[in-house]
C-alpha atoms as a PDB file:
ATOM      1  CA  MET A   1      -6.618 -65.649  48.916  1.00  0.00           C
ATOM      2  CA  VAL A   2      -7.816 -63.278  46.143  1.00  0.00           C
ATOM      3  CA  LYS A   3      -9.348 -59.867  46.454  1.00  0.00           C
ATOM      4  CA  HIS A   4     -11.962 -58.860  43.586  1.00  0.00           C
ATOM      5  CA  ILE A   5     -12.424 -55.200  43.631  1.00  0.00           C
ATOM      6  CA  VAL A   6     -15.039 -53.736  41.223  1.00  0.00           C
ATOM      7  CA  THR A   7     -16.300 -50.190  40.884  1.00  0.00           C
ATOM      8  CA  PHE A   8     -19.407 -49.068  38.922  1.00  0.00           C
ATOM      9  CA  LYS A   9     -20.491 -45.897  37.329  1.00  0.00           C
ATOM     10  CA  LEU A  10     -24.421 -45.861  36.908  1.00  0.00           C
ATOM     11  CA  LYS A  11     -26.576 -43.689  34.538  1.00  0.00           C
ATOM     12  CA  GLY A  12     -29.467 -41.697  35.579  1.00  0.00           C
ATOM     13  CA  THR A  13     -30.306 -38.823  38.106  1.00  0.00           C
ATOM     14  CA  ASP A  14     -28.560 -38.640  41.493  1.00  0.00           C
ATOM     15  CA  ALA A  15     -31.715 -40.272  43.012  1.00  0.00           C
ATOM     16  CA  GLU A  16     -32.059 -42.926  40.504  1.00  0.00           C
ATOM     17  CA  ARG A  17     -28.307 -43.905  40.715  1.00  0.00           C
ATOM     18  CA  ARG A  18     -28.624 -43.826  44.625  1.00  0.00           C
ATOM     19  CA  GLU A  19     -31.780 -46.090  44.543  1.00  0.00           C
ATOM     20  CA  ALA A  20     -30.072 -48.650  42.151  1.00  0.00           C
ATOM     21  CA  ALA A  21     -26.825 -48.566  44.112  1.00  0.00           C
ATOM     22  CA  THR A  22     -28.691 -49.198  47.343  1.00  0.00           C
ATOM     23  CA  LYS A  23     -30.640 -52.000  46.008  1.00  0.00           C
ATOM     24  CA  PHE A  24     -27.355 -53.475  44.460  1.00  0.00           C
ATOM     25  CA  LYS A  25     -25.509 -53.099  47.780  1.00  0.00           C
ATOM     26  CA  ASP A  26     -28.326 -54.837  49.854  1.00  0.00           C
ATOM     27  CA  ALA A  27     -28.200 -57.660  47.391  1.00  0.00           C
ATOM     28  CA  LEU A  28     -24.554 -58.062  47.343  1.00  0.00           C
ATOM     29  CA  LEU A  29     -24.220 -58.207  51.133  1.00  0.00           C
ATOM     30  CA  GLU A  30     -26.399 -61.210  51.222  1.00  0.00           C
ATOM     31  CA  LEU A  31     -24.041 -63.108  48.800  1.00  0.00           C
ATOM     32  CA  PRO A  32     -21.741 -64.576  51.461  1.00  0.00           C
ATOM     33  CA  ALA A  33     -24.416 -66.563  52.908  1.00  0.00           C
ATOM     34  CA  GLU A  34     -25.277 -68.036  49.547  1.00  0.00           C
ATOM     35  CA  ILE A  35     -22.099 -68.497  47.752  1.00  0.00           C
ATOM     36  CA  GLY A  36     -19.615 -71.059  49.420  1.00  0.00           C
ATOM     37  CA  VAL A  37     -16.478 -69.613  48.062  1.00  0.00           C
ATOM     38  CA  LEU A  38     -17.121 -66.009  49.039  1.00  0.00           C
ATOM     39  CA  GLU A  39     -15.104 -65.522  52.254  1.00  0.00           C
ATOM     40  CA  SER A  40     -16.434 -61.807  52.505  1.00  0.00           C
ATOM     41  CA  MET A  41     -18.148 -58.845  50.943  1.00  0.00           C
ATOM     42  CA  GLU A  42     -17.727 -55.205  51.509  1.00  0.00           C
ATOM     43  CA  VAL A  43     -19.783 -52.712  49.436  1.00  0.00           C
ATOM     44  CA  GLY A  44     -19.652 -48.945  49.479  1.00  0.00           C
ATOM     45  CA  ILE A  45     -21.741 -46.258  47.842  1.00  0.00           C
ATOM     46  CA  ASN A  46     -19.821 -43.040  47.065  1.00  0.00           C
ATOM     47  CA  GLU A  47     -20.472 -40.171  49.225  1.00  0.00           C
ATOM     48  CA  ASN A  48     -18.146 -37.705  47.410  1.00  0.00           C
ATOM     49  CA  PRO A  49     -20.119 -35.650  44.856  1.00  0.00           C
ATOM     50  CA  SER A  50     -16.915 -34.580  43.075  1.00  0.00           C
ATOM     51  CA  GLU A  51     -16.199 -38.102  42.119  1.00  0.00           C
ATOM     52  CA  VAL A  52     -17.892 -40.092  39.242  1.00  0.00           C
ATOM     53  CA  TRP A  53     -18.025 -43.743  40.517  1.00  0.00           C
ATOM     54  CA  ASP A  54     -21.091 -44.701  42.163  1.00  0.00           C
ATOM     55  CA  VAL A  55     -20.534 -48.110  43.886  1.00  0.00           C
ATOM     56  CA  VAL A  56     -17.456 -50.187  44.782  1.00  0.00           C
ATOM     57  CA  LEU A  57     -17.218 -53.787  46.146  1.00  0.00           C
ATOM     58  CA  THR A  58     -14.511 -55.883  47.474  1.00  0.00           C
ATOM     59  CA  ALA A  59     -14.897 -59.611  47.668  1.00  0.00           C
ATOM     60  CA  VAL A  60     -12.512 -62.197  49.029  1.00  0.00           C
ATOM     61  CA  VAL A  61     -12.356 -65.722  47.571  1.00  0.00           C
ATOM     62  CA  PRO A  62      -9.618 -68.305  48.202  1.00  0.00           C
ATOM     63  CA  THR A  63      -8.381 -68.709  44.668  1.00  0.00           C
ATOM     64  CA  MET A  64      -8.424 -67.000  41.270  1.00  0.00           C
ATOM     65  CA  ALA A  65     -10.455 -69.862  39.932  1.00  0.00           C
ATOM     66  CA  ASP A  66     -13.003 -68.962  42.643  1.00  0.00           C
ATOM     67  CA  VAL A  67     -13.519 -65.581  41.074  1.00  0.00           C
ATOM     68  CA  GLU A  68     -15.269 -67.160  38.158  1.00  0.00           C
ATOM     69  CA  VAL A  69     -17.377 -69.485  40.516  1.00  0.00           C
ATOM     70  CA  TYR A  70     -18.480 -66.402  42.324  1.00  0.00           C
ATOM     71  CA  ALA A  71     -19.164 -64.574  39.131  1.00  0.00           C
ATOM     72  CA  LYS A  72     -21.413 -67.407  37.523  1.00  0.00           C
ATOM     73  CA  HIS A  73     -23.402 -68.309  40.649  1.00  0.00           C
ATOM     74  CA  PRO A  74     -26.977 -67.549  40.301  1.00  0.00           C
ATOM     75  CA  ALA A  75     -27.211 -65.365  43.346  1.00  0.00           C
ATOM     76  CA  HIS A  76     -24.472 -63.115  42.034  1.00  0.00           C
ATOM     77  CA  VAL A  77     -25.888 -63.129  38.455  1.00  0.00           C
ATOM     78  CA  ALA A  78     -29.350 -61.974  40.113  1.00  0.00           C
ATOM     79  CA  ALA A  79     -27.545 -59.195  42.060  1.00  0.00           C
ATOM     80  CA  ALA A  80     -25.836 -57.862  39.012  1.00  0.00           C
ATOM     81  CA  SER A  81     -29.135 -57.826  37.034  1.00  0.00           C
ATOM     82  CA  LEU A  82     -30.265 -55.253  39.413  1.00  0.00           C
ATOM     83  CA  ILE A  83     -27.944 -52.433  37.966  1.00  0.00           C
ATOM     84  CA  ALA A  84     -27.843 -53.901  34.285  1.00  0.00           C
ATOM     85  CA  HIS A  85     -30.251 -51.284  33.047  1.00  0.00           C
ATOM     86  CA  CYS A  86     -28.233 -48.359  34.386  1.00  0.00           C
ATOM     87  CA  LYS A  87     -24.676 -49.627  34.360  1.00  0.00           C
ATOM     88  CA  GLU A  88     -22.473 -47.153  32.424  1.00  0.00           C
ATOM     89  CA  SER A  89     -18.986 -48.417  33.310  1.00  0.00           C
ATOM     90  CA  ARG A  90     -17.384 -51.033  35.201  1.00  0.00           C
ATOM     91  CA  ALA A  91     -13.685 -51.456  36.258  1.00  0.00           C
ATOM     92  CA  CYS A  92     -12.150 -54.545  38.034  1.00  0.00           C
ATOM     93  CA  VAL A  93      -8.813 -55.602  39.772  1.00  0.00           C
ATOM     94  CA  ASP A  94      -8.243 -59.107  41.012  1.00  0.00           C
ATOM     95  CA  TYR A  95      -5.105 -59.858  42.928  1.00  0.00           C
ATOM     96  CA  GLU A  96      -3.632 -62.411  45.162  1.00  0.00           C
ATOM     97  CA  PHE A  97      -2.689 -61.523  48.688  1.00  0.00           C
END
């Protein structure tokens, strides 16, 4: 199994970032029903005002190759497009467990 952990820093006011993060979270949580290789999806929106990252997701897929299947799936691409206009930074770690 592979954990795919991604964190995002968004641009905009607090309200704009929160709205974008919420829409993104809602879309991501629908993905396990749409993408066969996606075993699970967990999404969190930062609640700590002293931190600068806005959203984190943890996805679980069977193999490292499935990370790419997930990433290229049209439903994932559509979800990612929801924050494309306000994404400042992205960091990712993929590891087998």
